[in-house]
Amino acid sequence: MSLSASLRRNQTWVRESKALLWIANLSWSSVVLLIATLAIMTIQVARANGGHLTGHAPKALPPGVLALDGYSDRLIVLSNCAWVFLAGFRAVRMRKPLEN
């Protein structure tokens, strides 16, 4: 996020910074989503085990527990990869050809 904001101050990146900021915000939002899904899953596992958590990870999730945290993990990775791809693509596109 801070890199996107600092690129916005550079005149050559002003046009491209809006998309970079959007993807950076998606990355932060996916971290918040991960925290929320982990909390929901922890509560559901505790309810399934009679109100307490076990000292070890179960081999399989109990019935009624939604395993959504894997999707939020993937969203974090995809949004970070998308930011790097977009920044690199725009940097290559903005690069001027070498003059002899």
C-alpha atoms as a PDB file:
ATOM      1  CA  MET A   1       0.000   0.000   0.000  1.00  0.00           C
ATOM      2  CA  SER A   2       2.754   2.440   0.908  1.00  0.00           C
ATOM      3  CA  LEU A   3       4.630   1.678  -2.303  1.00  0.00           C
ATOM      4  CA  SER A   4       1.496   2.368  -4.333  1.00  0.00           C
ATOM      5  CA  ALA A   5       1.001   5.653  -2.501  1.00  0.00           C
ATOM      6  CA  SER A   6       4.597   6.727  -3.077  1.00  0.00           C
ATOM      7  CA  LEU A   7       4.356   5.835  -6.776  1.00  0.00           C
ATOM      8  CA  ARG A   8       1.341   8.139  -6.976  1.00  0.00           C
ATOM      9  CA  ARG A   9       3.595  11.088  -6.095  1.00  0.00           C
ATOM     10  CA  ASN A  10       5.841  10.299  -9.073  1.00  0.00           C
ATOM     11  CA  GLN A  11       4.611  12.139 -12.182  1.00  0.00           C
ATOM     12  CA  THR A  12       5.235   9.209 -14.534  1.00  0.00           C
ATOM     13  CA  TRP A  13       3.131   6.852 -12.390  1.00  0.00           C
ATOM     14  CA  VAL A  14       0.112   9.100 -11.727  1.00  0.00           C
ATOM     15  CA  ARG A  15      -2.093   7.433 -14.351  1.00  0.00           C
ATOM     16  CA  GLU A  16      -1.151   3.903 -13.319  1.00  0.00           C
ATOM     17  CA  SER A  17      -1.353   4.485  -9.579  1.00  0.00           C
ATOM     18  CA  LYS A  18      -5.152   4.210  -9.379  1.00  0.00           C
ATOM     19  CA  ALA A  19      -5.141   0.551 -10.434  1.00  0.00           C
ATOM     20  CA  LEU A  20      -2.149  -0.191  -8.208  1.00  0.00           C
ATOM     21  CA  LEU A  21      -3.885   1.387  -5.216  1.00  0.00           C
ATOM     22  CA  TRP A  22      -7.027  -0.623  -5.910  1.00  0.00           C
ATOM     23  CA  ILE A  23      -5.097  -3.900  -5.970  1.00  0.00           C
ATOM     24  CA  ALA A  24      -3.134  -2.903  -2.850  1.00  0.00           C
ATOM     25  CA  ASN A  25      -6.428  -2.261  -1.048  1.00  0.00           C
ATOM     26  CA  LEU A  26      -7.646  -5.669  -2.211  1.00  0.00           C
ATOM     27  CA  SER A  27      -4.579  -7.173  -0.579  1.00  0.00           C
ATOM     28  CA  TRP A  28      -5.332  -5.495   2.764  1.00  0.00           C
ATOM     29  CA  SER A  29      -8.990  -6.449   2.501  1.00  0.00           C
ATOM     30  CA  SER A  30      -8.064 -10.081   1.948  1.00  0.00           C
ATOM     31  CA  VAL A  31      -5.936 -10.040   5.119  1.00  0.00           C
ATOM     32  CA  VAL A  32      -8.953  -8.757   7.067  1.00  0.00           C
ATOM     33  CA  LEU A  33     -11.065 -11.449   5.412  1.00  0.00           C
ATOM     34  CA  LEU A  34      -8.515 -14.088   6.457  1.00  0.00           C
ATOM     35  CA  ILE A  35      -8.673 -12.949  10.089  1.00  0.00           C
ATOM     36  CA  ALA A  36     -12.468 -13.030   9.995  1.00  0.00           C
ATOM     37  CA  THR A  37     -12.642 -16.502   8.421  1.00  0.00           C
ATOM     38  CA  LEU A  38     -10.112 -17.882  10.920  1.00  0.00           C
ATOM     39  CA  ALA A  39     -12.157 -16.480  13.805  1.00  0.00           C
ATOM     40  CA  ILE A  40     -15.383 -17.936  12.387  1.00  0.00           C
ATOM     41  CA  MET A  41     -13.772 -21.313  11.817  1.00  0.00           C
ATOM     42  CA  THR A  42     -12.295 -21.357  15.339  1.00  0.00           C
ATOM     43  CA  ILE A  43     -15.694 -20.598  16.858  1.00  0.00           C
ATOM     44  CA  GLN A  44     -17.336 -23.301  14.758  1.00  0.00           C
ATOM     45  CA  VAL A  45     -14.713 -25.908  15.739  1.00  0.00           C
ATOM     46  CA  ALA A  46     -15.116 -24.997  19.414  1.00  0.00           C
ATOM     47  CA  ARG A  47     -18.904 -25.378  19.169  1.00  0.00           C
ATOM     48  CA  ALA A  48     -18.528 -28.739  17.424  1.00  0.00           C
ATOM     49  CA  ASN A  49     -16.237 -29.957  20.246  1.00  0.00           C
ATOM     50  CA  GLY A  50     -18.575 -29.027  23.060  1.00  0.00           C
ATOM     51  CA  GLY A  51     -17.394 -25.459  23.602  1.00  0.00           C
ATOM     52  CA  HIS A  52     -13.627 -25.992  23.785  1.00  0.00           C
ATOM     53  CA  LEU A  53     -10.709 -26.363  21.411  1.00  0.00           C
ATOM     54  CA  THR A  54      -8.586 -29.487  21.335  1.00  0.00           C
ATOM     55  CA  GLY A  55      -4.845 -29.347  21.886  1.00  0.00           C
ATOM     56  CA  HIS A  56      -4.132 -30.722  18.425  1.00  0.00           C
ATOM     57  CA  ALA A  57      -5.361 -30.186  14.902  1.00  0.00           C
ATOM     58  CA  PRO A  58      -8.128 -32.579  13.842  1.00  0.00           C
ATOM     59  CA  LYS A  59      -7.509 -34.879  10.898  1.00  0.00           C
ATOM     60  CA  ALA A  60     -10.811 -33.734   9.385  1.00  0.00           C
ATOM     61  CA  LEU A  61     -13.095 -30.836  10.150  1.00  0.00           C
ATOM     62  CA  PRO A  62     -16.191 -31.665  12.171  1.00  0.00           C
ATOM     63  CA  PRO A  63     -19.564 -31.448  10.408  1.00  0.00           C
ATOM     64  CA  GLY A  64     -20.921 -27.913  10.191  1.00  0.00           C
ATOM     65  CA  VAL A  65     -17.514 -26.199  10.071  1.00  0.00           C
ATOM     66  CA  LEU A  66     -16.967 -24.044   6.993  1.00  0.00           C
ATOM     67  CA  ALA A  67     -13.364 -24.103   5.777  1.00  0.00           C
ATOM     68  CA  LEU A  68     -13.269 -20.693   4.129  1.00  0.00           C
ATOM     69  CA  ASP A  69      -9.829 -19.600   5.290  1.00  0.00           C
ATOM     70  CA  GLY A  70      -8.128 -21.434   2.418  1.00  0.00           C
ATOM     71  CA  TYR A  71      -9.923 -19.225  -0.070  1.00  0.00           C
ATOM     72  CA  SER A  72      -8.888 -16.047   1.711  1.00  0.00           C
ATOM     73  CA  ASP A  73      -5.271 -17.295   1.719  1.00  0.00           C
ATOM     74  CA  ARG A  74      -5.473 -17.750  -2.012  1.00  0.00           C
ATOM     75  CA  LEU A  75      -6.953 -14.275  -2.422  1.00  0.00           C
ATOM     76  CA  ILE A  76      -3.970 -12.781  -0.565  1.00  0.00           C
ATOM     77  CA  VAL A  77      -1.515 -14.565  -2.845  1.00  0.00           C
ATOM     78  CA  LEU A  78      -3.454 -13.672  -6.013  1.00  0.00           C
ATOM     79  CA  SER A  79      -3.793  -9.995  -5.085  1.00  0.00           C
ATOM     80  CA  ASN A  80      -0.086  -9.710  -4.259  1.00  0.00           C
ATOM     81  CA  CYS A  81       0.865 -11.431  -7.520  1.00  0.00           C
ATOM     82  CA  ALA A  82      -1.542  -9.184  -9.433  1.00  0.00           C
ATOM     83  CA  TRP A  83       0.065  -6.069  -7.917  1.00  0.00           C
ATOM     84  CA  VAL A  84       3.578  -7.196  -8.890  1.00  0.00           C
ATOM     85  CA  PHE A  85       2.411  -8.205 -12.375  1.00  0.00           C
ATOM     86  CA  LEU A  86       0.615  -4.909 -12.973  1.00  0.00           C
ATOM     87  CA  ALA A  87       3.485  -2.802 -11.647  1.00  0.00           C
ATOM     88  CA  GLY A  88       6.005  -4.701 -13.763  1.00  0.00           C
ATOM     89  CA  PHE A  89       3.808  -4.579 -16.857  1.00  0.00           C
ATOM     90  CA  ARG A  90       3.278  -0.845 -16.527  1.00  0.00           C
ATOM     91  CA  ALA A  91       6.985  -0.232 -15.815  1.00  0.00           C
ATOM     92  CA  VAL A  92       7.999  -2.100 -18.964  1.00  0.00           C
ATOM     93  CA  ARG A  93       5.340  -0.281 -20.982  1.00  0.00           C
ATOM     94  CA  MET A  94       6.502   3.119 -19.725  1.00  0.00           C
ATOM     95  CA  ARG A  95      10.166   2.369 -20.382  1.00  0.00           C
ATOM     96  CA  LYS A  96      11.549   4.428 -23.228  1.00  0.00           C
ATOM     97  CA  PRO A  97      13.564   2.654 -25.937  1.00  0.00           C
ATOM     98  CA  LEU A  98      17.309   3.044 -25.682  1.00  0.00           C
ATOM     99  CA  GLU A  99      18.715   5.715 -27.962  1.00  0.00           C
ATOM    100  CA  ASN A 100      22.021   5.250 -29.778  1.00  0.00           C
END
